[in-house]
Amino acid sequence: MFWDLDNKPPNSFPPFEATVKMKASASSFGVVRSMVAYSNQRSFSHIPKVVWEQRRERKLLNQLENKGVIKSTEPYICKVCGRRFYTNEKLVNHFKQIHERKHQKRLNPIESARGSRRVNLVGMYSMKMERSIKMRLGKF
């Protein structure tokens, strides 16, 4: 999904709420592979402050972990494979490089298949896909 907020901003809802509702309604038709909204800086004023603060805190914490100033008391554990990482950024990179690619490789034949072949593929991959989806939706 691509959305240009400069040309068509929502009038009835703030853009953040409209995006959440749009994603929920689009996911009822199938898998939403990616969602991108383009705008200028003025449009970002509608993002809730809580989201801004969480992103800023996570970015600062990642920078401090990478420099070695702060060390986490417990390692970050990948919920899919169980591998341990000492920085959150390394966990995120690991997940994107390994598990997201594997997930995409599973989705491609499912989306191109029709009928009973599709049902069989979904059944075969359902447990693996469920774990990687939970990890993607969970907080790192």
N, C-alpha and C. Protein backbone atom coordinates (compact mmCIF):
# COMPACT_ATOMS: atom_id res chain seq x y z
N MET A 1 0.85 -1.17 0.00
CA MET A 1 0.00 0.00 0.00
C MET A 1 0.89 1.23 0.00
N PHE A 2 0.59 2.14 -0.87
CA PHE A 2 1.30 3.42 -0.94
C PHE A 2 0.30 4.54 -0.74
N TRP A 3 0.66 5.50 0.09
CA TRP A 3 -0.25 6.58 0.40
C TRP A 3 0.52 7.88 0.42
N ASP A 4 0.04 8.86 -0.32
CA ASP A 4 0.66 10.18 -0.36
C ASP A 4 -0.17 11.10 0.52
N LEU A 5 0.30 11.37 1.72
CA LEU A 5 -0.45 12.17 2.68
C LEU A 5 -0.52 13.65 2.30
N ASP A 6 0.41 14.11 1.47
CA ASP A 6 0.37 15.52 1.07
C ASP A 6 -0.82 15.80 0.18
N ASN A 7 -1.10 14.89 -0.75
CA ASN A 7 -2.18 15.12 -1.70
C ASN A 7 -3.54 14.69 -1.17
N LYS A 8 -3.59 13.64 -0.38
CA LYS A 8 -4.87 13.14 0.13
C LYS A 8 -4.80 12.85 1.63
N PRO A 9 -4.72 13.88 2.46
CA PRO A 9 -4.74 13.61 3.90
C PRO A 9 -6.16 13.25 4.34
N PRO A 10 -6.30 12.41 5.35
CA PRO A 10 -7.65 12.07 5.82
C PRO A 10 -8.28 13.25 6.56
N ASN A 11 -9.55 13.44 6.35
CA ASN A 11 -10.26 14.55 7.00
C ASN A 11 -10.97 14.13 8.27
N SER A 12 -11.48 12.90 8.32
CA SER A 12 -12.30 12.48 9.45
C SER A 12 -11.49 11.91 10.61
N PHE A 13 -10.27 11.44 10.34
CA PHE A 13 -9.42 10.85 11.38
C PHE A 13 -8.04 11.47 11.31
N PRO A 14 -7.31 11.45 12.41
CA PRO A 14 -5.88 11.78 12.32
C PRO A 14 -5.18 10.72 11.47
N PRO A 15 -4.12 11.06 10.75
CA PRO A 15 -3.47 10.10 9.85
C PRO A 15 -3.00 8.82 10.52
N PHE A 16 -2.53 8.89 11.76
CA PHE A 16 -2.05 7.68 12.43
C PHE A 16 -3.20 6.69 12.64
N GLU A 17 -4.34 7.18 13.15
CA GLU A 17 -5.50 6.31 13.35
C GLU A 17 -6.03 5.78 12.02
N ALA A 18 -6.04 6.63 11.00
CA ALA A 18 -6.50 6.19 9.69
C ALA A 18 -5.61 5.09 9.13
N THR A 19 -4.30 5.19 9.35
CA THR A 19 -3.38 4.18 8.88
C THR A 19 -3.61 2.86 9.58
N VAL A 20 -3.82 2.89 10.89
CA VAL A 20 -4.08 1.66 11.64
C VAL A 20 -5.36 1.00 11.15
N LYS A 21 -6.41 1.79 10.95
CA LYS A 21 -7.68 1.24 10.47
C LYS A 21 -7.56 0.73 9.04
N MET A 22 -6.80 1.44 8.21
CA MET A 22 -6.62 1.01 6.82
C MET A 22 -5.87 -0.32 6.76
N LYS A 23 -4.86 -0.47 7.59
CA LYS A 23 -4.10 -1.73 7.60
C LYS A 23 -4.97 -2.88 8.08
N ALA A 24 -5.78 -2.64 9.10
CA ALA A 24 -6.67 -3.69 9.62
C ALA A 24 -7.68 -4.12 8.57
N SER A 25 -8.24 -3.15 7.85
CA SER A 25 -9.23 -3.51 6.83
C SER A 25 -8.57 -4.18 5.62
N ALA A 26 -7.38 -3.75 5.24
CA ALA A 26 -6.70 -4.36 4.10
C ALA A 26 -6.24 -5.77 4.43
N SER A 27 -5.87 -6.03 5.67
CA SER A 27 -5.40 -7.37 6.04
C SER A 27 -6.53 -8.39 6.00
N SER A 28 -7.78 -7.94 6.03
CA SER A 28 -8.89 -8.89 5.91
C SER A 28 -8.99 -9.45 4.49
N PHE A 29 -8.42 -8.77 3.50
CA PHE A 29 -8.42 -9.26 2.13
C PHE A 29 -7.23 -10.16 1.82
N GLY A 30 -6.19 -10.08 2.63
CA GLY A 30 -4.99 -10.88 2.41
C GLY A 30 -3.82 -10.29 3.16
N VAL A 31 -2.65 -10.79 2.85
CA VAL A 31 -1.45 -10.37 3.54
C VAL A 31 -1.04 -8.98 3.06
N VAL A 32 -0.78 -8.07 3.99
CA VAL A 32 -0.28 -6.75 3.65
C VAL A 32 1.24 -6.84 3.71
N ARG A 33 1.86 -6.84 2.53
CA ARG A 33 3.31 -7.02 2.48
C ARG A 33 4.05 -5.79 2.96
N SER A 34 3.64 -4.64 2.51
CA SER A 34 4.30 -3.42 2.97
C SER A 34 3.33 -2.26 2.89
N MET A 35 3.56 -1.31 3.78
CA MET A 35 2.75 -0.11 3.83
C MET A 35 3.69 1.07 3.92
N VAL A 36 3.53 2.03 3.01
CA VAL A 36 4.40 3.20 2.99
C VAL A 36 3.53 4.43 2.82
N ALA A 37 3.78 5.43 3.65
CA ALA A 37 3.08 6.70 3.52
C ALA A 37 4.13 7.80 3.36
N TYR A 38 3.97 8.60 2.33
CA TYR A 38 4.90 9.69 2.06
C TYR A 38 4.24 11.01 2.44
N SER A 39 5.04 11.86 3.05
CA SER A 39 4.53 13.18 3.40
C SER A 39 5.70 14.09 3.73
N ASN A 40 5.36 15.35 3.96
CA ASN A 40 6.39 16.27 4.43
C ASN A 40 6.38 16.29 5.96
N GLN A 41 7.23 17.05 6.55
CA GLN A 41 7.37 17.06 8.01
C GLN A 41 6.09 17.49 8.72
N ARG A 42 5.31 18.32 8.10
CA ARG A 42 4.08 18.84 8.70
C ARG A 42 3.08 17.71 9.01
N SER A 43 3.05 16.69 8.18
CA SER A 43 2.09 15.60 8.37
C SER A 43 2.44 14.71 9.55
N PHE A 44 3.69 14.73 9.98
CA PHE A 44 4.09 13.89 11.10
C PHE A 44 3.64 14.45 12.44
N SER A 45 3.03 15.60 12.45
CA SER A 45 2.56 16.18 13.70
C SER A 45 1.40 15.38 14.29
N HIS A 46 0.78 14.50 13.50
CA HIS A 46 -0.37 13.72 13.97
C HIS A 46 0.03 12.41 14.65
N ILE A 47 1.32 12.05 14.61
CA ILE A 47 1.76 10.82 15.26
C ILE A 47 1.73 11.05 16.77
N PRO A 48 1.15 10.13 17.53
CA PRO A 48 1.05 10.33 18.98
C PRO A 48 2.42 10.50 19.62
N LYS A 49 2.46 11.33 20.65
CA LYS A 49 3.73 11.60 21.33
C LYS A 49 4.34 10.34 21.93
N VAL A 50 3.49 9.42 22.35
CA VAL A 50 3.99 8.18 22.95
C VAL A 50 4.86 7.43 21.94
N VAL A 51 4.42 7.39 20.68
CA VAL A 51 5.18 6.69 19.64
C VAL A 51 6.50 7.39 19.40
N TRP A 52 6.49 8.72 19.32
CA TRP A 52 7.73 9.48 19.14
C TRP A 52 8.71 9.20 20.27
N GLU A 53 8.20 9.22 21.51
CA GLU A 53 9.06 9.01 22.66
C GLU A 53 9.65 7.61 22.68
N GLN A 54 8.83 6.60 22.36
CA GLN A 54 9.33 5.22 22.33
C GLN A 54 10.42 5.06 21.27
N ARG A 55 10.20 5.63 20.10
CA ARG A 55 11.20 5.53 19.04
C ARG A 55 12.50 6.23 19.42
N ARG A 56 12.37 7.42 20.02
CA ARG A 56 13.54 8.18 20.42
C ARG A 56 14.33 7.44 21.51
N GLU A 57 13.61 6.89 22.49
CA GLU A 57 14.27 6.14 23.56
C GLU A 57 14.98 4.90 23.02
N ARG A 58 14.31 4.17 22.12
CA ARG A 58 14.91 2.96 21.57
C ARG A 58 16.14 3.29 20.74
N LYS A 59 16.07 4.39 19.98
CA LYS A 59 17.21 4.80 19.16
C LYS A 59 18.39 5.19 20.04
N LEU A 60 18.13 5.92 21.10
CA LEU A 60 19.19 6.33 22.02
C LEU A 60 19.79 5.11 22.72
N LEU A 61 18.94 4.20 23.16
CA LEU A 61 19.42 2.99 23.82
C LEU A 61 20.27 2.14 22.87
N ASN A 62 19.84 2.02 21.61
CA ASN A 62 20.63 1.28 20.61
C ASN A 62 22.00 1.91 20.42
N GLN A 63 22.04 3.24 20.34
CA GLN A 63 23.32 3.92 20.16
C GLN A 63 24.25 3.69 21.34
N LEU A 64 23.71 3.77 22.55
CA LEU A 64 24.53 3.56 23.74
C LEU A 64 25.00 2.11 23.85
N GLU A 65 24.15 1.16 23.45
CA GLU A 65 24.56 -0.25 23.46
C GLU A 65 25.67 -0.50 22.44
N ASN A 66 25.55 0.10 21.27
CA ASN A 66 26.56 -0.10 20.22
C ASN A 66 27.91 0.48 20.64
N LYS A 67 27.90 1.59 21.37
CA LYS A 67 29.14 2.21 21.83
C LYS A 67 29.74 1.47 23.02
N GLY A 68 28.93 0.64 23.68
CA GLY A 68 29.42 -0.09 24.84
C GLY A 68 29.22 0.64 26.15
N VAL A 69 28.52 1.76 26.12
CA VAL A 69 28.29 2.54 27.34
C VAL A 69 27.32 1.79 28.26
N ILE A 70 26.26 1.25 27.67
CA ILE A 70 25.26 0.51 28.43
C ILE A 70 25.33 -0.95 28.00
N LYS A 71 25.30 -1.84 28.99
CA LYS A 71 25.23 -3.26 28.69
C LYS A 71 23.94 -3.80 29.30
N SER A 72 23.21 -4.54 28.50
CA SER A 72 21.96 -5.11 28.96
C SER A 72 22.25 -6.20 29.99
N THR A 73 21.43 -6.28 31.03
CA THR A 73 21.64 -7.30 32.05
C THR A 73 21.34 -8.69 31.50
N GLU A 74 20.37 -8.78 30.62
CA GLU A 74 20.02 -10.04 29.99
C GLU A 74 20.19 -9.89 28.48
N PRO A 75 20.68 -10.92 27.81
CA PRO A 75 20.83 -10.82 26.35
C PRO A 75 19.46 -10.82 25.67
N TYR A 76 19.41 -10.23 24.49
CA TYR A 76 18.20 -10.25 23.68
C TYR A 76 18.13 -11.62 23.02
N ILE A 77 17.00 -12.30 23.10
CA ILE A 77 16.86 -13.65 22.57
C ILE A 77 15.90 -13.62 21.40
N CYS A 78 16.32 -14.21 20.29
CA CYS A 78 15.45 -14.33 19.12
C CYS A 78 14.34 -15.31 19.46
N LYS A 79 13.10 -14.90 19.32
CA LYS A 79 11.98 -15.75 19.69
C LYS A 79 11.70 -16.84 18.66
N VAL A 80 12.35 -16.77 17.51
CA VAL A 80 12.15 -17.79 16.49
C VAL A 80 13.16 -18.92 16.64
N CYS A 81 14.45 -18.58 16.73
CA CYS A 81 15.49 -19.62 16.76
C CYS A 81 16.18 -19.74 18.11
N GLY A 82 15.99 -18.80 19.01
CA GLY A 82 16.58 -18.88 20.34
C GLY A 82 18.00 -18.35 20.45
N ARG A 83 18.52 -17.78 19.39
CA ARG A 83 19.88 -17.25 19.42
C ARG A 83 19.93 -16.00 20.31
N ARG A 84 21.07 -15.79 20.97
CA ARG A 84 21.22 -14.67 21.90
C ARG A 84 22.07 -13.57 21.28
N PHE A 85 21.67 -12.31 21.57
CA PHE A 85 22.40 -11.15 21.10
C PHE A 85 22.56 -10.17 22.24
N TYR A 86 23.67 -9.45 22.23
CA TYR A 86 23.93 -8.52 23.32
C TYR A 86 23.47 -7.10 23.02
N THR A 87 23.08 -6.84 21.77
CA THR A 87 22.49 -5.55 21.44
C THR A 87 21.19 -5.77 20.67
N ASN A 88 20.27 -4.87 20.86
CA ASN A 88 18.99 -4.97 20.18
C ASN A 88 19.14 -4.81 18.68
N GLU A 89 20.06 -3.96 18.26
CA GLU A 89 20.25 -3.72 16.83
C GLU A 89 20.71 -4.99 16.11
N LYS A 90 21.57 -5.77 16.76
CA LYS A 90 22.02 -7.02 16.15
C LYS A 90 20.88 -8.02 16.06
N LEU A 91 19.99 -8.03 17.04
CA LEU A 91 18.82 -8.91 16.99
C LEU A 91 17.92 -8.53 15.83
N VAL A 92 17.68 -7.24 15.67
CA VAL A 92 16.81 -6.77 14.59
C VAL A 92 17.43 -7.12 13.23
N ASN A 93 18.74 -6.89 13.08
CA ASN A 93 19.41 -7.23 11.82
C ASN A 93 19.35 -8.73 11.56
N HIS A 94 19.58 -9.54 12.58
CA HIS A 94 19.50 -11.00 12.45
C HIS A 94 18.11 -11.40 11.96
N PHE A 95 17.08 -10.84 12.58
CA PHE A 95 15.71 -11.21 12.21
C PHE A 95 15.41 -10.83 10.77
N LYS A 96 15.82 -9.63 10.37
CA LYS A 96 15.55 -9.19 9.00
C LYS A 96 16.31 -10.03 7.98
N GLN A 97 17.57 -10.34 8.27
CA GLN A 97 18.39 -11.06 7.30
C GLN A 97 18.03 -12.53 7.19
N ILE A 98 17.64 -13.14 8.28
CA ILE A 98 17.39 -14.58 8.24
C ILE A 98 15.91 -14.92 8.23
N HIS A 99 15.19 -14.53 9.25
CA HIS A 99 13.82 -15.00 9.41
C HIS A 99 12.84 -14.34 8.46
N GLU A 100 13.01 -13.05 8.16
CA GLU A 100 12.10 -12.42 7.20
C GLU A 100 12.28 -13.00 5.81
N ARG A 101 13.51 -13.31 5.43
CA ARG A 101 13.75 -13.91 4.11
C ARG A 101 13.13 -15.29 4.03
N LYS A 102 13.29 -16.10 5.09
CA LYS A 102 12.69 -17.42 5.10
C LYS A 102 11.17 -17.33 5.03
N HIS A 103 10.61 -16.38 5.77
CA HIS A 103 9.16 -16.18 5.75
C HIS A 103 8.69 -15.81 4.35
N GLN A 104 9.43 -14.96 3.68
CA GLN A 104 9.06 -14.55 2.32
C GLN A 104 9.16 -15.72 1.36
N LYS A 105 10.17 -16.58 1.55
CA LYS A 105 10.30 -17.77 0.70
C LYS A 105 9.12 -18.72 0.89
N ARG A 106 8.56 -18.76 2.08
CA ARG A 106 7.39 -19.60 2.33
C ARG A 106 6.13 -18.98 1.70
N LEU A 107 6.04 -17.65 1.74
CA LEU A 107 4.83 -16.98 1.24
C LEU A 107 4.73 -17.02 -0.28
N ASN A 108 5.84 -16.92 -0.98
CA ASN A 108 5.80 -16.85 -2.44
C ASN A 108 5.07 -18.03 -3.08
N PRO A 109 5.40 -19.29 -2.76
CA PRO A 109 4.65 -20.38 -3.40
C PRO A 109 3.20 -20.44 -2.95
N ILE A 110 2.92 -20.01 -1.72
CA ILE A 110 1.53 -20.03 -1.25
C ILE A 110 0.69 -19.04 -2.04
N GLU A 111 1.24 -17.86 -2.29
CA GLU A 111 0.46 -16.85 -3.00
C GLU A 111 0.24 -17.19 -4.46
N SER A 112 1.16 -17.94 -5.05
CA SER A 112 0.99 -18.29 -6.46
C SER A 112 0.14 -19.55 -6.63
N ALA A 113 0.00 -20.37 -5.58
CA ALA A 113 -0.76 -21.61 -5.68
C ALA A 113 -2.26 -21.34 -5.57
N ARG A 114 -3.03 -22.25 -6.14
CA ARG A 114 -4.49 -22.16 -6.10
C ARG A 114 -5.06 -23.51 -5.68
N GLY A 115 -6.25 -23.49 -5.11
CA GLY A 115 -6.97 -24.71 -4.80
C GLY A 115 -6.35 -25.55 -3.71
N SER A 116 -6.34 -26.88 -3.93
CA SER A 116 -5.88 -27.81 -2.90
C SER A 116 -4.38 -27.68 -2.66
N ARG A 117 -3.62 -27.30 -3.68
CA ARG A 117 -2.18 -27.11 -3.48
C ARG A 117 -1.93 -25.98 -2.48
N ARG A 118 -2.70 -24.92 -2.59
CA ARG A 118 -2.57 -23.80 -1.65
C ARG A 118 -2.90 -24.24 -0.23
N VAL A 119 -3.98 -25.01 -0.08
CA VAL A 119 -4.38 -25.50 1.24
C VAL A 119 -3.28 -26.37 1.84
N ASN A 120 -2.69 -27.25 1.02
CA ASN A 120 -1.61 -28.11 1.51
C ASN A 120 -0.39 -27.30 1.92
N LEU A 121 -0.02 -26.30 1.13
CA LEU A 121 1.14 -25.47 1.48
C LEU A 121 0.91 -24.68 2.76
N VAL A 122 -0.30 -24.13 2.93
CA VAL A 122 -0.62 -23.38 4.14
C VAL A 122 -0.55 -24.30 5.35
N GLY A 123 -1.07 -25.50 5.22
CA GLY A 123 -1.00 -26.46 6.32
C GLY A 123 0.42 -26.86 6.66
N MET A 124 1.25 -27.01 5.63
CA MET A 124 2.62 -27.44 5.84
C MET A 124 3.45 -26.34 6.54
N TYR A 125 3.22 -25.08 6.18
CA TYR A 125 4.02 -23.99 6.70
C TYR A 125 3.37 -23.25 7.88
N SER A 126 2.19 -23.63 8.30
CA SER A 126 1.44 -22.82 9.27
C SER A 126 2.19 -22.61 10.59
N MET A 127 2.78 -23.64 11.16
CA MET A 127 3.47 -23.49 12.44
C MET A 127 4.69 -22.57 12.32
N LYS A 128 5.47 -22.75 11.26
CA LYS A 128 6.67 -21.93 11.08
C LYS A 128 6.29 -20.47 10.83
N MET A 129 5.24 -20.27 10.04
CA MET A 129 4.82 -18.91 9.73
C MET A 129 4.25 -18.22 10.97
N GLU A 130 3.56 -18.97 11.80
CA GLU A 130 2.97 -18.38 13.00
C GLU A 130 4.05 -17.87 13.94
N ARG A 131 5.13 -18.62 14.10
CA ARG A 131 6.23 -18.19 14.98
C ARG A 131 6.89 -16.93 14.44
N SER A 132 7.15 -16.87 13.13
CA SER A 132 7.84 -15.70 12.60
C SER A 132 6.93 -14.48 12.58
N ILE A 133 5.62 -14.68 12.43
CA ILE A 133 4.69 -13.54 12.48
C ILE A 133 4.63 -12.99 13.90
N LYS A 134 4.59 -13.87 14.89
CA LYS A 134 4.56 -13.40 16.28
C LYS A 134 5.80 -12.61 16.60
N MET A 135 6.95 -13.06 16.11
CA MET A 135 8.21 -12.34 16.36
C MET A 135 8.19 -10.98 15.70
N ARG A 136 7.68 -10.92 14.47
CA ARG A 136 7.65 -9.65 13.75
C ARG A 136 6.73 -8.66 14.44
N LEU A 137 5.60 -9.13 14.96
CA LEU A 137 4.66 -8.23 15.62
C LEU A 137 5.09 -7.88 17.04
N GLY A 138 5.88 -8.74 17.65
CA GLY A 138 6.35 -8.47 19.01
C GLY A 138 7.35 -7.37 19.04
N LYS A 139 7.59 -6.86 20.21
CA LYS A 139 8.58 -5.78 20.35
C LYS A 139 9.94 -6.39 20.55
N PHE A 140 10.93 -5.78 19.91
CA PHE A 140 12.29 -6.28 20.02
C PHE A 140 12.90 -5.79 21.31
